[in-house]
Amino acid sequence: MSLWTRISDAIAALSAGEGLAAIFDQLRTPPERSVAFAIAVIGLGAKMAKADGQVTRDEVTAFRDVFHIAAKDEAGAARVFNLARTDVAGFQDYATRIHTMFADQPDMLADLMEGLFHIAMADGFYHPNEDAFLEQVAHIFNIPDIEFRALRARFVPDAVPDPYSVLGVTPDMALEDMRAIWRKLVRENHPDAMMARGVPEEAVRLAERRMIDINRAWEDIRSAKT
């Protein structure tokens, strides 16, 4: 059974009048969590798409980048997006329920934030309202500020990305300590590790860009320190 078939089944099981947010209270255990993860990215992505006042084709395409959506599944994905966009529940309610669902898996919440950054930057512009939205979601997820800044440094081209922010380290740390953090990040972001966390296979491709950014940051730091 494909991910999108399972998502469609989860939506069909909603009682009359229930919003999409109710799903986050129902899908708390594996393998349903992979379904919940996909719905969480699309649901919060739809809420965020409203933050800058418009939903662009690029943002819709970004969903296809995060989750490989076959032509036959596009209607189901669009239904999730539209349910979230029209749901009376605010994004804070979504984020709070998602945090409760993944409270024992903070890495999943970080994966989800990465998907949201990918969608935010799909049109090539990081709107101030999107920044405020993502910062509030990160706060609800209890993601440390240094980790949020590291994500933003990787995705938002303010200038030259700060390699220290990308790795979540500070320039005054010993090189060996930085190397240990780099190695830890490499282990955690291996596709097998992501699959073990319950991230849908369709979303693991995000790790490819993440690994490039992490390794580039380490090489920049190592070159500057040696």
N, C-alpha and C. Protein backbone atom coordinates (compact mmCIF):
# COMPACT_ATOMS: atom_id res chain seq x y z
N MET A 1 0.85 -1.19 0.00
CA MET A 1 0.00 0.00 0.00
C MET A 1 0.88 1.24 0.00
N SER A 2 0.66 2.15 -0.95
CA SER A 2 1.51 3.33 -1.05
C SER A 2 1.22 4.31 0.07
N LEU A 3 2.19 5.22 0.27
CA LEU A 3 2.02 6.25 1.29
C LEU A 3 0.76 7.04 1.04
N TRP A 4 0.49 7.39 -0.21
CA TRP A 4 -0.64 8.24 -0.51
C TRP A 4 -1.96 7.51 -0.37
N THR A 5 -1.96 6.21 -0.57
CA THR A 5 -3.17 5.43 -0.30
C THR A 5 -3.46 5.45 1.19
N ARG A 6 -2.43 5.29 1.99
CA ARG A 6 -2.60 5.32 3.44
C ARG A 6 -3.05 6.69 3.92
N ILE A 7 -2.52 7.75 3.29
CA ILE A 7 -2.96 9.10 3.64
C ILE A 7 -4.44 9.29 3.31
N SER A 8 -4.84 8.83 2.12
CA SER A 8 -6.24 8.94 1.71
C SER A 8 -7.15 8.19 2.68
N ASP A 9 -6.70 7.02 3.12
CA ASP A 9 -7.49 6.23 4.07
C ASP A 9 -7.63 6.97 5.40
N ALA A 10 -6.53 7.62 5.84
CA ALA A 10 -6.57 8.36 7.11
C ALA A 10 -7.54 9.53 7.02
N ILE A 11 -7.55 10.21 5.89
CA ILE A 11 -8.46 11.33 5.71
C ILE A 11 -9.91 10.85 5.66
N ALA A 12 -10.12 9.73 4.96
CA ALA A 12 -11.47 9.18 4.84
C ALA A 12 -12.04 8.77 6.19
N ALA A 13 -11.14 8.43 7.14
CA ALA A 13 -11.60 7.98 8.45
C ALA A 13 -12.01 9.13 9.37
N LEU A 14 -11.76 10.36 8.95
CA LEU A 14 -12.17 11.50 9.76
C LEU A 14 -13.68 11.56 9.87
N SER A 15 -14.16 11.88 11.04
CA SER A 15 -15.60 12.03 11.23
C SER A 15 -16.07 13.31 10.57
N ALA A 16 -17.34 13.36 10.28
CA ALA A 16 -17.91 14.56 9.65
C ALA A 16 -17.65 15.78 10.52
N GLY A 17 -17.11 16.81 9.89
CA GLY A 17 -16.84 18.04 10.60
C GLY A 17 -15.47 18.12 11.24
N GLU A 18 -14.75 16.98 11.28
CA GLU A 18 -13.41 17.00 11.86
C GLU A 18 -12.43 17.65 10.90
N GLY A 19 -11.52 18.44 11.44
CA GLY A 19 -10.48 19.04 10.63
C GLY A 19 -9.28 18.13 10.52
N LEU A 20 -8.37 18.52 9.65
CA LEU A 20 -7.18 17.71 9.42
C LEU A 20 -6.35 17.57 10.69
N ALA A 21 -6.42 18.55 11.57
CA ALA A 21 -5.63 18.50 12.80
C ALA A 21 -5.95 17.27 13.65
N ALA A 22 -7.17 16.74 13.51
CA ALA A 22 -7.55 15.57 14.31
C ALA A 22 -6.69 14.37 13.99
N ILE A 23 -6.16 14.31 12.78
CA ILE A 23 -5.32 13.17 12.38
C ILE A 23 -4.09 13.07 13.26
N PHE A 24 -3.57 14.22 13.68
CA PHE A 24 -2.34 14.21 14.47
C PHE A 24 -2.54 13.57 15.84
N ASP A 25 -3.80 13.48 16.30
CA ASP A 25 -4.09 12.82 17.57
C ASP A 25 -4.28 11.32 17.39
N GLN A 26 -4.44 10.88 16.14
CA GLN A 26 -4.78 9.49 15.88
C GLN A 26 -3.61 8.65 15.41
N LEU A 27 -2.65 9.27 14.74
CA LEU A 27 -1.55 8.51 14.12
C LEU A 27 -0.27 8.69 14.94
N ARG A 28 -0.20 8.04 16.06
CA ARG A 28 0.90 8.28 16.98
C ARG A 28 1.93 7.15 17.03
N THR A 29 1.67 6.04 16.39
CA THR A 29 2.57 4.91 16.50
C THR A 29 3.00 4.43 15.13
N PRO A 30 4.21 3.84 15.03
CA PRO A 30 4.65 3.27 13.75
C PRO A 30 3.71 2.15 13.34
N PRO A 31 3.48 1.90 12.02
CA PRO A 31 4.03 2.66 10.90
C PRO A 31 3.21 3.90 10.54
N GLU A 32 2.15 4.16 11.33
CA GLU A 32 1.29 5.29 11.01
C GLU A 32 2.03 6.62 11.11
N ARG A 33 3.12 6.65 11.86
CA ARG A 33 3.83 7.91 12.02
C ARG A 33 4.38 8.44 10.70
N SER A 34 4.75 7.54 9.79
CA SER A 34 5.25 8.01 8.50
C SER A 34 4.14 8.71 7.74
N VAL A 35 2.91 8.23 7.90
CA VAL A 35 1.76 8.89 7.30
C VAL A 35 1.56 10.26 7.95
N ALA A 36 1.64 10.27 9.28
CA ALA A 36 1.46 11.53 10.01
C ALA A 36 2.53 12.53 9.64
N PHE A 37 3.77 12.06 9.45
CA PHE A 37 4.86 12.96 9.07
C PHE A 37 4.55 13.65 7.75
N ALA A 38 4.12 12.87 6.76
CA ALA A 38 3.80 13.44 5.45
C ALA A 38 2.67 14.45 5.56
N ILE A 39 1.65 14.10 6.31
CA ILE A 39 0.51 15.01 6.48
C ILE A 39 0.95 16.27 7.23
N ALA A 40 1.86 16.10 8.19
CA ALA A 40 2.34 17.25 8.96
C ALA A 40 3.10 18.23 8.07
N VAL A 41 3.97 17.72 7.19
CA VAL A 41 4.71 18.61 6.30
C VAL A 41 3.75 19.35 5.37
N ILE A 42 2.80 18.63 4.79
CA ILE A 42 1.87 19.26 3.86
C ILE A 42 0.94 20.21 4.60
N GLY A 43 0.46 19.78 5.78
CA GLY A 43 -0.46 20.61 6.54
C GLY A 43 0.18 21.92 6.99
N LEU A 44 1.36 21.81 7.62
CA LEU A 44 2.03 23.04 8.04
C LEU A 44 2.53 23.84 6.84
N GLY A 45 2.92 23.14 5.77
CA GLY A 45 3.34 23.83 4.55
C GLY A 45 2.21 24.66 3.97
N ALA A 46 1.00 24.11 4.01
CA ALA A 46 -0.16 24.84 3.51
C ALA A 46 -0.43 26.07 4.37
N LYS A 47 -0.30 25.91 5.69
CA LYS A 47 -0.48 27.06 6.57
C LYS A 47 0.59 28.12 6.31
N MET A 48 1.83 27.66 6.11
CA MET A 48 2.93 28.60 5.86
C MET A 48 2.76 29.30 4.52
N ALA A 49 2.24 28.57 3.52
CA ALA A 49 2.06 29.17 2.20
C ALA A 49 1.13 30.38 2.27
N LYS A 50 0.24 30.39 3.26
CA LYS A 50 -0.64 31.54 3.44
C LYS A 50 0.07 32.69 4.15
N ALA A 51 1.19 32.39 4.79
CA ALA A 51 1.87 33.41 5.59
C ALA A 51 2.37 34.56 4.74
N ASP A 52 2.82 34.23 3.49
CA ASP A 52 3.30 35.32 2.62
C ASP A 52 2.20 35.81 1.69
N GLY A 53 0.96 35.36 1.93
CA GLY A 53 -0.18 35.90 1.21
C GLY A 53 -0.52 35.22 -0.09
N GLN A 54 0.26 34.20 -0.51
CA GLN A 54 -0.05 33.55 -1.77
C GLN A 54 0.54 32.15 -1.80
N VAL A 55 -0.08 31.31 -2.61
CA VAL A 55 0.42 29.96 -2.83
C VAL A 55 0.90 29.90 -4.27
N THR A 56 2.20 29.70 -4.45
CA THR A 56 2.76 29.73 -5.79
C THR A 56 2.92 28.31 -6.34
N ARG A 57 3.06 28.25 -7.67
CA ARG A 57 3.31 26.96 -8.31
C ARG A 57 4.61 26.35 -7.79
N ASP A 58 5.61 27.22 -7.48
CA ASP A 58 6.87 26.72 -6.97
C ASP A 58 6.69 26.00 -5.65
N GLU A 59 5.82 26.54 -4.79
CA GLU A 59 5.60 25.91 -3.49
C GLU A 59 4.91 24.56 -3.66
N VAL A 60 3.98 24.48 -4.61
CA VAL A 60 3.32 23.21 -4.88
C VAL A 60 4.34 22.22 -5.42
N THR A 61 5.23 22.69 -6.29
CA THR A 61 6.27 21.82 -6.83
C THR A 61 7.19 21.33 -5.73
N ALA A 62 7.43 22.17 -4.71
CA ALA A 62 8.30 21.79 -3.61
C ALA A 62 7.75 20.60 -2.86
N PHE A 63 6.42 20.50 -2.76
CA PHE A 63 5.83 19.33 -2.12
C PHE A 63 6.20 18.08 -2.90
N ARG A 64 6.22 18.20 -4.22
CA ARG A 64 6.58 17.05 -5.05
C ARG A 64 8.04 16.67 -4.87
N ASP A 65 8.89 17.68 -4.54
CA ASP A 65 10.30 17.39 -4.29
C ASP A 65 10.48 16.64 -2.98
N VAL A 66 9.72 17.02 -1.97
CA VAL A 66 9.83 16.38 -0.67
C VAL A 66 9.24 14.98 -0.72
N PHE A 67 8.09 14.85 -1.37
CA PHE A 67 7.42 13.57 -1.50
C PHE A 67 7.20 13.29 -2.97
N HIS A 68 7.77 12.20 -3.43
CA HIS A 68 7.61 11.84 -4.84
C HIS A 68 6.14 11.49 -5.09
N ILE A 69 5.42 12.40 -5.72
CA ILE A 69 3.99 12.23 -5.91
C ILE A 69 3.72 11.82 -7.35
N ALA A 70 3.20 10.62 -7.52
CA ALA A 70 2.84 10.14 -8.85
C ALA A 70 1.59 10.88 -9.32
N ALA A 71 1.39 10.88 -10.64
CA ALA A 71 0.24 11.60 -11.21
C ALA A 71 -1.06 11.12 -10.60
N LYS A 72 -1.16 9.82 -10.36
CA LYS A 72 -2.42 9.26 -9.82
C LYS A 72 -2.66 9.68 -8.37
N ASP A 73 -1.60 10.16 -7.68
CA ASP A 73 -1.74 10.55 -6.28
C ASP A 73 -1.86 12.05 -6.08
N GLU A 74 -1.77 12.82 -7.16
CA GLU A 74 -1.77 14.27 -7.03
C GLU A 74 -3.09 14.79 -6.44
N ALA A 75 -4.19 14.15 -6.79
CA ALA A 75 -5.48 14.60 -6.26
C ALA A 75 -5.52 14.42 -4.75
N GLY A 76 -4.97 13.31 -4.26
CA GLY A 76 -4.95 13.08 -2.82
C GLY A 76 -4.08 14.08 -2.09
N ALA A 77 -2.92 14.40 -2.68
CA ALA A 77 -2.03 15.39 -2.07
C ALA A 77 -2.69 16.77 -2.06
N ALA A 78 -3.37 17.10 -3.14
CA ALA A 78 -4.06 18.39 -3.22
C ALA A 78 -5.17 18.47 -2.17
N ARG A 79 -5.81 17.34 -1.92
CA ARG A 79 -6.88 17.34 -0.92
C ARG A 79 -6.33 17.63 0.47
N VAL A 80 -5.18 17.03 0.81
CA VAL A 80 -4.56 17.30 2.10
C VAL A 80 -4.20 18.78 2.21
N PHE A 81 -3.60 19.30 1.15
CA PHE A 81 -3.19 20.71 1.13
C PHE A 81 -4.39 21.61 1.34
N ASN A 82 -5.47 21.36 0.62
CA ASN A 82 -6.65 22.23 0.71
C ASN A 82 -7.37 22.08 2.04
N LEU A 83 -7.38 20.87 2.60
CA LEU A 83 -7.97 20.68 3.92
C LEU A 83 -7.24 21.51 4.96
N ALA A 84 -5.90 21.49 4.88
CA ALA A 84 -5.12 22.26 5.84
C ALA A 84 -5.30 23.76 5.62
N ARG A 85 -5.33 24.17 4.36
CA ARG A 85 -5.44 25.59 4.06
C ARG A 85 -6.76 26.17 4.54
N THR A 86 -7.83 25.38 4.49
CA THR A 86 -9.16 25.87 4.85
C THR A 86 -9.56 25.51 6.27
N ASP A 87 -8.74 24.71 6.94
CA ASP A 87 -9.05 24.30 8.31
C ASP A 87 -9.07 25.53 9.21
N VAL A 88 -10.09 25.61 10.07
CA VAL A 88 -10.20 26.77 10.95
C VAL A 88 -9.12 26.75 12.03
N ALA A 89 -8.54 25.59 12.29
CA ALA A 89 -7.47 25.50 13.29
C ALA A 89 -6.27 26.29 12.81
N GLY A 90 -5.64 27.00 13.72
CA GLY A 90 -4.45 27.77 13.38
C GLY A 90 -3.22 26.89 13.33
N PHE A 91 -2.14 27.43 12.76
CA PHE A 91 -0.93 26.61 12.64
C PHE A 91 -0.35 26.27 14.01
N GLN A 92 -0.62 27.12 15.03
CA GLN A 92 -0.12 26.81 16.36
C GLN A 92 -0.73 25.52 16.89
N ASP A 93 -2.03 25.32 16.59
CA ASP A 93 -2.69 24.09 17.00
C ASP A 93 -2.07 22.89 16.29
N TYR A 94 -1.84 23.03 14.99
CA TYR A 94 -1.17 21.97 14.23
C TYR A 94 0.18 21.64 14.85
N ALA A 95 0.98 22.69 15.06
CA ALA A 95 2.34 22.48 15.56
C ALA A 95 2.34 21.85 16.95
N THR A 96 1.42 22.27 17.81
CA THR A 96 1.35 21.72 19.16
C THR A 96 0.99 20.23 19.12
N ARG A 97 0.04 19.86 18.27
CA ARG A 97 -0.34 18.45 18.18
C ARG A 97 0.79 17.61 17.58
N ILE A 98 1.47 18.18 16.60
CA ILE A 98 2.58 17.46 15.98
C ILE A 98 3.71 17.29 16.99
N HIS A 99 3.97 18.32 17.78
CA HIS A 99 5.01 18.21 18.81
C HIS A 99 4.66 17.11 19.81
N THR A 100 3.40 17.03 20.20
CA THR A 100 2.97 15.97 21.12
C THR A 100 3.20 14.59 20.51
N MET A 101 2.89 14.47 19.22
CA MET A 101 3.02 13.19 18.54
C MET A 101 4.47 12.74 18.46
N PHE A 102 5.40 13.68 18.21
CA PHE A 102 6.80 13.33 18.02
C PHE A 102 7.67 13.78 19.20
N ALA A 103 7.07 13.95 20.37
CA ALA A 103 7.83 14.46 21.52
C ALA A 103 9.00 13.55 21.88
N ASP A 104 8.85 12.25 21.61
CA ASP A 104 9.92 11.31 21.93
C ASP A 104 10.90 11.13 20.78
N GLN A 105 10.69 11.87 19.68
CA GLN A 105 11.57 11.79 18.51
C GLN A 105 11.89 13.20 18.01
N PRO A 106 12.71 13.95 18.75
CA PRO A 106 13.02 15.32 18.33
C PRO A 106 13.68 15.39 16.95
N ASP A 107 14.38 14.32 16.54
CA ASP A 107 14.99 14.32 15.21
C ASP A 107 13.92 14.39 14.11
N MET A 108 12.77 13.78 14.36
CA MET A 108 11.69 13.84 13.39
C MET A 108 11.19 15.27 13.23
N LEU A 109 11.13 15.99 14.34
CA LEU A 109 10.68 17.39 14.29
C LEU A 109 11.69 18.23 13.50
N ALA A 110 12.98 17.93 13.66
CA ALA A 110 14.00 18.64 12.89
C ALA A 110 13.87 18.31 11.41
N ASP A 111 13.59 17.04 11.09
CA ASP A 111 13.36 16.65 9.69
C ASP A 111 12.18 17.42 9.11
N LEU A 112 11.12 17.55 9.90
CA LEU A 112 9.93 18.24 9.44
C LEU A 112 10.24 19.72 9.19
N MET A 113 11.00 20.34 10.10
CA MET A 113 11.37 21.74 9.90
C MET A 113 12.16 21.91 8.62
N GLU A 114 13.01 20.95 8.31
CA GLU A 114 13.79 21.04 7.08
C GLU A 114 12.89 21.02 5.86
N GLY A 115 11.88 20.16 5.88
CA GLY A 115 10.93 20.14 4.77
C GLY A 115 10.22 21.47 4.62
N LEU A 116 9.90 22.12 5.73
CA LEU A 116 9.22 23.42 5.67
C LEU A 116 10.14 24.50 5.11
N PHE A 117 11.42 24.47 5.49
CA PHE A 117 12.37 25.42 4.91
C PHE A 117 12.49 25.21 3.40
N HIS A 118 12.50 23.95 2.98
CA HIS A 118 12.60 23.65 1.55
C HIS A 118 11.41 24.26 0.80
N ILE A 119 10.22 24.16 1.38
CA ILE A 119 9.02 24.72 0.76
C ILE A 119 9.07 26.24 0.79
N ALA A 120 9.52 26.81 1.92
CA ALA A 120 9.57 28.28 2.04
C ALA A 120 10.47 28.90 0.98
N MET A 121 11.55 28.20 0.64
CA MET A 121 12.52 28.76 -0.31
C MET A 121 12.24 28.35 -1.75
N ALA A 122 11.13 27.66 -1.98
CA ALA A 122 10.85 27.14 -3.32
C ALA A 122 10.73 28.24 -4.37
N ASP A 123 10.21 29.40 -3.96
CA ASP A 123 10.04 30.49 -4.92
C ASP A 123 11.26 31.42 -4.96
N GLY A 124 12.32 31.05 -4.24
CA GLY A 124 13.55 31.83 -4.27
C GLY A 124 13.53 33.05 -3.37
N PHE A 125 12.48 33.23 -2.59
CA PHE A 125 12.37 34.41 -1.72
C PHE A 125 11.91 33.97 -0.34
N TYR A 126 12.64 34.42 0.68
CA TYR A 126 12.30 34.10 2.06
C TYR A 126 11.56 35.28 2.66
N HIS A 127 10.24 35.15 2.71
CA HIS A 127 9.39 36.25 3.16
C HIS A 127 9.52 36.42 4.68
N PRO A 128 9.53 37.66 5.18
CA PRO A 128 9.60 37.87 6.64
C PRO A 128 8.51 37.13 7.40
N ASN A 129 7.32 37.03 6.80
CA ASN A 129 6.24 36.31 7.47
C ASN A 129 6.53 34.81 7.55
N GLU A 130 7.22 34.29 6.54
CA GLU A 130 7.62 32.89 6.59
C GLU A 130 8.65 32.67 7.70
N ASP A 131 9.56 33.63 7.85
CA ASP A 131 10.56 33.52 8.91
C ASP A 131 9.89 33.53 10.28
N ALA A 132 8.93 34.43 10.46
CA ALA A 132 8.22 34.49 11.74
C ALA A 132 7.43 33.20 11.99
N PHE A 133 6.81 32.67 10.93
CA PHE A 133 6.06 31.42 11.03
C PHE A 133 6.98 30.29 11.47
N LEU A 134 8.11 30.13 10.78
CA LEU A 134 9.01 29.02 11.07
C LEU A 134 9.63 29.17 12.46
N GLU A 135 9.92 30.40 12.86
CA GLU A 135 10.49 30.61 14.18
C GLU A 135 9.50 30.20 15.27
N GLN A 136 8.22 30.52 15.06
CA GLN A 136 7.21 30.14 16.04
C GLN A 136 7.02 28.63 16.08
N VAL A 137 7.03 27.98 14.92
CA VAL A 137 6.90 26.53 14.88
C VAL A 137 8.09 25.88 15.59
N ALA A 138 9.29 26.38 15.33
CA ALA A 138 10.49 25.83 15.98
C ALA A 138 10.39 25.99 17.50
N HIS A 139 9.84 27.11 17.95
CA HIS A 139 9.66 27.33 19.39
C HIS A 139 8.69 26.31 19.97
N ILE A 140 7.57 26.07 19.27
CA ILE A 140 6.60 25.08 19.74
C ILE A 140 7.21 23.68 19.75
N PHE A 141 8.07 23.41 18.79
CA PHE A 141 8.74 22.10 18.70
C PHE A 141 9.89 21.96 19.71
N ASN A 142 10.18 23.03 20.45
CA ASN A 142 11.30 23.05 21.39
C ASN A 142 12.64 22.81 20.70
N ILE A 143 12.77 23.31 19.48
CA ILE A 143 14.03 23.22 18.76
C ILE A 143 14.92 24.38 19.23
N PRO A 144 16.11 24.06 19.73
CA PRO A 144 16.99 25.14 20.23
C PRO A 144 17.26 26.19 19.16
N ASP A 145 17.45 27.42 19.61
CA ASP A 145 17.65 28.52 18.67
C ASP A 145 18.88 28.30 17.79
N ILE A 146 19.93 27.69 18.36
CA ILE A 146 21.14 27.46 17.56
C ILE A 146 20.85 26.48 16.42
N GLU A 147 19.97 25.50 16.65
CA GLU A 147 19.60 24.56 15.58
C GLU A 147 18.73 25.24 14.54
N PHE A 148 17.84 26.12 14.97
CA PHE A 148 17.00 26.85 14.03
C PHE A 148 17.87 27.74 13.14
N ARG A 149 18.85 28.43 13.74
CA ARG A 149 19.74 29.28 12.96
C ARG A 149 20.57 28.46 11.98
N ALA A 150 20.94 27.25 12.40
CA ALA A 150 21.71 26.38 11.50
C ALA A 150 20.87 26.00 10.28
N LEU A 151 19.61 25.68 10.49
CA LEU A 151 18.73 25.37 9.37
C LEU A 151 18.58 26.58 8.45
N ARG A 152 18.35 27.73 9.06
CA ARG A 152 18.16 28.94 8.25
C ARG A 152 19.42 29.29 7.47
N ALA A 153 20.58 29.06 8.08
CA ALA A 153 21.84 29.35 7.39
C ALA A 153 22.01 28.46 6.16
N ARG A 154 21.50 27.23 6.24
CA ARG A 154 21.64 26.31 5.11
C ARG A 154 20.71 26.65 3.97
N PHE A 155 19.53 27.14 4.29
CA PHE A 155 18.51 27.31 3.26
C PHE A 155 18.37 28.74 2.75
N VAL A 156 18.64 29.72 3.60
CA VAL A 156 18.35 31.10 3.23
C VAL A 156 19.65 31.80 2.83
N PRO A 157 19.76 32.22 1.57
CA PRO A 157 21.00 32.84 1.09
C PRO A 157 21.12 34.30 1.48
N ASP A 158 21.26 34.55 2.79
CA ASP A 158 21.45 35.93 3.24
C ASP A 158 22.72 36.51 2.63
N ALA A 159 23.75 35.72 2.65
CA ALA A 159 25.05 36.07 2.07
C ALA A 159 25.77 34.74 1.90
N VAL A 160 27.02 34.67 2.30
CA VAL A 160 27.73 33.40 2.30
C VAL A 160 27.31 32.63 3.55
N PRO A 161 26.82 31.40 3.40
CA PRO A 161 26.39 30.64 4.58
C PRO A 161 27.53 30.50 5.59
N ASP A 162 27.23 30.74 6.85
CA ASP A 162 28.22 30.62 7.91
C ASP A 162 28.40 29.14 8.25
N PRO A 163 29.58 28.56 7.98
CA PRO A 163 29.74 27.12 8.22
C PRO A 163 29.58 26.74 9.69
N TYR A 164 29.90 27.66 10.60
CA TYR A 164 29.74 27.37 12.02
C TYR A 164 28.26 27.22 12.37
N SER A 165 27.43 28.08 11.81
CA SER A 165 26.00 27.99 12.06
C SER A 165 25.42 26.71 11.46
N VAL A 166 25.91 26.32 10.28
CA VAL A 166 25.41 25.11 9.62
C VAL A 166 25.64 23.89 10.50
N LEU A 167 26.83 23.81 11.14
CA LEU A 167 27.12 22.67 12.01
C LEU A 167 26.60 22.86 13.43
N GLY A 168 26.17 24.07 13.75
CA GLY A 168 25.71 24.32 15.11
C GLY A 168 26.85 24.38 16.11
N VAL A 169 28.00 24.92 15.68
CA VAL A 169 29.16 25.05 16.56
C VAL A 169 29.55 26.52 16.63
N THR A 170 30.52 26.83 17.49
CA THR A 170 31.01 28.19 17.61
C THR A 170 32.49 28.23 17.27
N PRO A 171 32.99 29.34 16.75
CA PRO A 171 34.39 29.43 16.31
C PRO A 171 35.41 29.15 17.41
N ASP A 172 35.02 29.33 18.67
CA ASP A 172 35.99 29.15 19.76
C ASP A 172 36.11 27.69 20.20
N MET A 173 35.33 26.79 19.62
CA MET A 173 35.41 25.38 19.98
C MET A 173 36.68 24.76 19.40
N ALA A 174 37.19 23.73 20.07
CA ALA A 174 38.35 23.00 19.57
C ALA A 174 37.97 22.27 18.29
N LEU A 175 38.94 22.17 17.39
CA LEU A 175 38.68 21.53 16.10
C LEU A 175 38.21 20.08 16.29
N GLU A 176 38.79 19.37 17.24
CA GLU A 176 38.39 17.98 17.46
C GLU A 176 36.95 17.88 17.95
N ASP A 177 36.52 18.85 18.74
CA ASP A 177 35.13 18.86 19.19
C ASP A 177 34.20 19.11 18.00
N MET A 178 34.61 20.00 17.11
CA MET A 178 33.82 20.26 15.91
C MET A 178 33.78 19.01 15.03
N ARG A 179 34.91 18.32 14.94
CA ARG A 179 34.95 17.11 14.12
C ARG A 179 33.98 16.06 14.68
N ALA A 180 33.92 15.95 16.00
CA ALA A 180 33.01 14.98 16.62
C ALA A 180 31.56 15.32 16.30
N ILE A 181 31.22 16.62 16.32
CA ILE A 181 29.85 17.05 16.00
C ILE A 181 29.56 16.77 14.53
N TRP A 182 30.52 17.04 13.66
CA TRP A 182 30.35 16.76 12.22
C TRP A 182 30.08 15.28 12.00
N ARG A 183 30.87 14.42 12.63
CA ARG A 183 30.68 12.98 12.46
C ARG A 183 29.32 12.52 12.98
N LYS A 184 28.89 13.11 14.09
CA LYS A 184 27.58 12.78 14.65
C LYS A 184 26.48 13.16 13.66
N LEU A 185 26.59 14.33 13.06
CA LEU A 185 25.60 14.77 12.08
C LEU A 185 25.58 13.85 10.87
N VAL A 186 26.76 13.41 10.43
CA VAL A 186 26.82 12.49 9.29
C VAL A 186 26.12 11.19 9.61
N ARG A 187 26.35 10.65 10.82
CA ARG A 187 25.69 9.40 11.22
C ARG A 187 24.18 9.57 11.29
N GLU A 188 23.75 10.67 11.89
CA GLU A 188 22.31 10.88 12.09
C GLU A 188 21.57 11.11 10.78
N ASN A 189 22.27 11.62 9.78
CA ASN A 189 21.60 11.96 8.53
C ASN A 189 21.82 10.94 7.43
N HIS A 190 22.38 9.79 7.79
CA HIS A 190 22.48 8.69 6.83
C HIS A 190 21.07 8.21 6.51
N PRO A 191 20.78 7.88 5.26
CA PRO A 191 19.43 7.42 4.90
C PRO A 191 18.89 6.30 5.78
N ASP A 192 19.75 5.36 6.16
CA ASP A 192 19.29 4.26 7.02
C ASP A 192 18.83 4.78 8.38
N ALA A 193 19.55 5.78 8.91
CA ALA A 193 19.17 6.35 10.20
C ALA A 193 17.84 7.08 10.08
N MET A 194 17.63 7.77 8.97
CA MET A 194 16.37 8.49 8.77
C MET A 194 15.21 7.52 8.64
N MET A 195 15.42 6.44 7.90
CA MET A 195 14.35 5.45 7.75
C MET A 195 14.01 4.82 9.10
N ALA A 196 15.04 4.62 9.93
CA ALA A 196 14.81 4.05 11.26
C ALA A 196 13.98 4.98 12.13
N ARG A 197 14.06 6.29 11.87
CA ARG A 197 13.26 7.25 12.63
C ARG A 197 11.81 7.27 12.16
N GLY A 198 11.54 6.60 11.05
CA GLY A 198 10.18 6.59 10.55
C GLY A 198 9.88 7.65 9.53
N VAL A 199 10.94 8.32 9.02
CA VAL A 199 10.74 9.31 7.96
C VAL A 199 10.34 8.58 6.69
N PRO A 200 9.30 9.03 6.01
CA PRO A 200 8.90 8.34 4.77
C PRO A 200 10.04 8.28 3.77
N GLU A 201 10.12 7.17 3.07
CA GLU A 201 11.18 7.00 2.08
C GLU A 201 11.19 8.15 1.09
N GLU A 202 9.98 8.66 0.79
CA GLU A 202 9.87 9.75 -0.17
C GLU A 202 10.57 11.03 0.29
N ALA A 203 10.74 11.19 1.61
CA ALA A 203 11.33 12.42 2.13
C ALA A 203 12.82 12.28 2.42
N VAL A 204 13.35 11.08 2.33
CA VAL A 204 14.76 10.87 2.66
C VAL A 204 15.68 11.63 1.71
N ARG A 205 15.19 11.93 0.51
CA ARG A 205 16.04 12.64 -0.46
C ARG A 205 16.47 14.01 0.05
N LEU A 206 15.73 14.56 1.02
CA LEU A 206 16.15 15.83 1.61
C LEU A 206 17.52 15.70 2.25
N ALA A 207 17.85 14.49 2.74
CA ALA A 207 19.13 14.28 3.41
C ALA A 207 20.29 14.45 2.45
N GLU A 208 20.06 14.26 1.16
CA GLU A 208 21.15 14.40 0.20
C GLU A 208 21.68 15.83 0.21
N ARG A 209 20.78 16.80 0.16
CA ARG A 209 21.22 18.20 0.23
C ARG A 209 21.82 18.50 1.59
N ARG A 210 21.21 17.96 2.65
CA ARG A 210 21.69 18.20 4.00
C ARG A 210 23.14 17.73 4.15
N MET A 211 23.43 16.53 3.63
CA MET A 211 24.78 15.99 3.74
C MET A 211 25.78 16.85 2.96
N ILE A 212 25.37 17.35 1.81
CA ILE A 212 26.25 18.24 1.05
C ILE A 212 26.58 19.48 1.86
N ASP A 213 25.56 20.08 2.47
CA ASP A 213 25.77 21.30 3.26
C ASP A 213 26.65 21.02 4.48
N ILE A 214 26.40 19.91 5.16
CA ILE A 214 27.17 19.56 6.35
C ILE A 214 28.63 19.32 6.00
N ASN A 215 28.87 18.55 4.96
CA ASN A 215 30.26 18.25 4.58
C ASN A 215 30.99 19.49 4.06
N ARG A 216 30.28 20.34 3.32
CA ARG A 216 30.91 21.57 2.84
C ARG A 216 31.29 22.47 4.01
N ALA A 217 30.39 22.57 4.99
CA ALA A 217 30.68 23.41 6.16
C ALA A 217 31.90 22.88 6.91
N TRP A 218 31.98 21.56 7.09
CA TRP A 218 33.13 20.98 7.78
C TRP A 218 34.42 21.25 7.02
N GLU A 219 34.40 21.09 5.70
CA GLU A 219 35.59 21.34 4.90
C GLU A 219 36.03 22.79 4.98
N ASP A 220 35.05 23.71 4.99
CA ASP A 220 35.40 25.13 5.12
C ASP A 220 36.05 25.42 6.46
N ILE A 221 35.49 24.84 7.53
CA ILE A 221 36.05 25.06 8.85
C ILE A 221 37.44 24.42 8.97
N ARG A 222 37.56 23.19 8.51
CA ARG A 222 38.84 22.47 8.60
C ARG A 222 39.93 23.21 7.82
N SER A 223 39.59 23.71 6.67
CA SER A 223 40.58 24.42 5.87
C SER A 223 41.03 25.71 6.53
N ALA A 224 40.07 26.37 7.19
CA ALA A 224 40.40 27.64 7.85
C ALA A 224 41.22 27.43 9.12
N LYS A 225 41.06 26.25 9.74
CA LYS A 225 41.71 25.99 11.03
C LYS A 225 43.06 25.30 10.89
N THR A 226 43.37 24.77 9.69
CA THR A 226 44.62 24.03 9.52
C THR A 226 45.56 24.73 8.54
